[in-house]
Amino acid sequence: MVRQNYGPNIGQEKLTITCMISLYCKKKHGQFEKQLCVTCEDLKRYAIARLILCRYGEQKSTCEKCLTHCYRKDYKEKIKNVMRFSGPRMILYHPQMAIKHLYKNIFHHN
């Protein structure tokens, strides 16, 4: 049986990636915050599924620091584009979330 993760750390990661994809879609594709385009909605579903099934569970680091890259090649490129665009902008749109993510990225290891 596959272990599924629904703890607070995974919840925070899901919220962060959702905000990053929403920001990307809004700025790049002209979508409204609550409505993603088909491509971004697909990416969001994929990213959340990867988080739910993450082998590290609640001890998960940020994806950037992860030892096991679990994304398929096509989705990996898409999420890299989202993170490159949205990452620096998160401090303006979601400052608390950005600070939490930066802290985790610097101080947490798998």
Protein backbone atom coordinates (compact mmCIF):
# COMPACT_ATOMS: atom_id res chain seq x y z
CA MET A 1 0.00 0.00 0.00
CA VAL A 2 1.26 3.48 -0.89
CA ARG A 3 1.64 5.86 2.04
CA GLN A 4 -0.14 9.17 1.56
CA ASN A 5 0.89 12.38 3.30
CA TYR A 6 -1.61 14.89 4.64
CA GLY A 7 0.29 16.51 7.54
CA PRO A 8 0.86 20.23 8.18
CA ASN A 9 4.23 20.41 6.37
CA ILE A 10 2.84 18.79 3.24
CA GLY A 11 -0.20 21.07 3.58
CA GLN A 12 2.09 24.12 3.62
CA GLU A 13 3.98 22.82 0.57
CA LYS A 14 0.67 22.31 -1.27
CA LEU A 15 -0.42 25.85 -0.42
CA THR A 16 2.93 27.29 -1.53
CA ILE A 17 2.98 25.48 -4.88
CA THR A 18 -0.66 26.39 -5.50
CA CYS A 19 0.11 30.08 -4.91
CA MET A 20 3.17 29.92 -7.14
CA ILE A 21 1.25 28.31 -10.00
CA SER A 22 -1.65 30.75 -9.56
CA LEU A 23 0.70 33.73 -9.70
CA TYR A 24 2.42 32.33 -12.79
CA CYS A 25 -0.86 31.62 -14.56
CA LYS A 26 -2.31 35.02 -13.71
CA LYS A 27 0.76 36.92 -14.95
CA LYS A 28 1.71 34.72 -17.93
CA HIS A 29 -1.67 33.51 -19.15
CA GLY A 30 -3.95 36.33 -17.98
CA GLN A 31 -6.02 34.04 -15.78
CA PHE A 32 -7.87 35.13 -12.67
CA GLU A 33 -6.55 34.03 -9.28
CA LYS A 34 -9.28 31.46 -8.64
CA GLN A 35 -9.27 30.04 -12.15
CA LEU A 36 -6.24 28.42 -13.76
CA CYS A 37 -5.82 27.67 -17.44
CA VAL A 38 -5.96 24.00 -18.41
CA THR A 39 -2.16 23.62 -18.51
CA CYS A 40 -1.61 25.21 -15.11
CA GLU A 41 -4.49 23.28 -13.53
CA ASP A 42 -2.91 20.06 -14.81
CA LEU A 43 0.47 21.08 -13.38
CA LYS A 44 -1.11 21.93 -10.02
CA ARG A 45 -2.85 18.54 -9.82
CA TYR A 46 0.40 16.78 -10.71
CA ALA A 47 2.43 18.75 -8.14
CA ILE A 48 -0.08 18.09 -5.36
CA ALA A 49 -0.19 14.38 -6.21
CA ARG A 50 3.63 14.27 -6.00
CA LEU A 51 3.49 15.93 -2.57
CA ILE A 52 0.83 13.56 -1.27
CA LEU A 53 2.93 10.58 -2.36
CA CYS A 54 6.32 12.02 -1.31
CA ARG A 55 8.55 9.34 0.22
CA TYR A 56 9.86 11.82 2.81
CA GLY A 57 6.43 12.79 4.10
CA GLU A 58 6.44 15.39 6.86
CA GLN A 59 10.26 15.40 6.90
CA LYS A 60 10.31 16.59 3.29
CA SER A 61 12.70 19.39 2.40
CA THR A 62 11.89 21.82 -0.38
CA CYS A 63 11.88 20.26 -3.85
CA GLU A 64 15.02 22.22 -4.72
CA LYS A 65 16.96 20.46 -1.94
CA CYS A 66 15.36 17.03 -2.39
CA LEU A 67 17.62 14.07 -3.06
CA THR A 68 14.90 12.28 -5.07
CA HIS A 69 13.46 14.18 -8.02
CA CYS A 70 10.09 12.57 -8.58
CA TYR A 71 8.72 14.73 -11.39
CA ARG A 72 8.45 13.42 -14.93
CA LYS A 73 10.75 15.30 -17.30
CA ASP A 74 7.97 17.34 -18.96
CA TYR A 75 6.44 18.40 -15.64
CA LYS A 76 9.87 19.10 -14.20
CA GLU A 77 10.48 21.71 -16.93
CA LYS A 78 7.06 23.27 -16.37
CA ILE A 79 7.51 23.55 -12.60
CA LYS A 80 11.02 24.98 -13.03
CA ASN A 81 9.54 27.75 -15.20
CA VAL A 82 6.87 28.45 -12.58
CA MET A 83 9.41 28.55 -9.75
CA ARG A 84 11.83 30.77 -11.67
CA PHE A 85 9.07 33.25 -12.39
CA SER A 86 7.02 33.10 -9.20
CA GLY A 87 9.79 32.51 -6.65
CA PRO A 88 11.18 36.06 -6.64
CA ARG A 89 7.67 37.56 -6.82
CA MET A 90 6.35 35.59 -3.83
CA ILE A 91 7.97 38.07 -1.44
CA LEU A 92 5.65 40.77 -2.87
CA TYR A 93 2.44 38.73 -3.15
CA HIS A 94 2.80 36.24 -0.28
CA PRO A 95 5.60 37.49 1.99
CA GLN A 96 4.99 35.16 4.96
CA MET A 97 4.86 32.13 2.71
CA ALA A 98 8.02 33.21 0.91
CA ILE A 99 9.91 33.66 4.18
CA LYS A 100 8.79 30.24 5.47
CA HIS A 101 9.86 28.63 2.21
CA LEU A 102 13.26 30.36 2.23
CA TYR A 103 13.84 29.35 5.85
CA LYS A 104 12.97 25.74 5.08
CA ASN A 105 15.18 25.78 1.99
CA ILE A 106 18.17 27.04 3.99
CA PHE A 107 17.85 25.08 7.24
CA HIS A 108 16.05 21.79 6.43
CA HIS A 109 17.70 18.66 5.07
CA ASN A 110 16.19 15.25 4.15
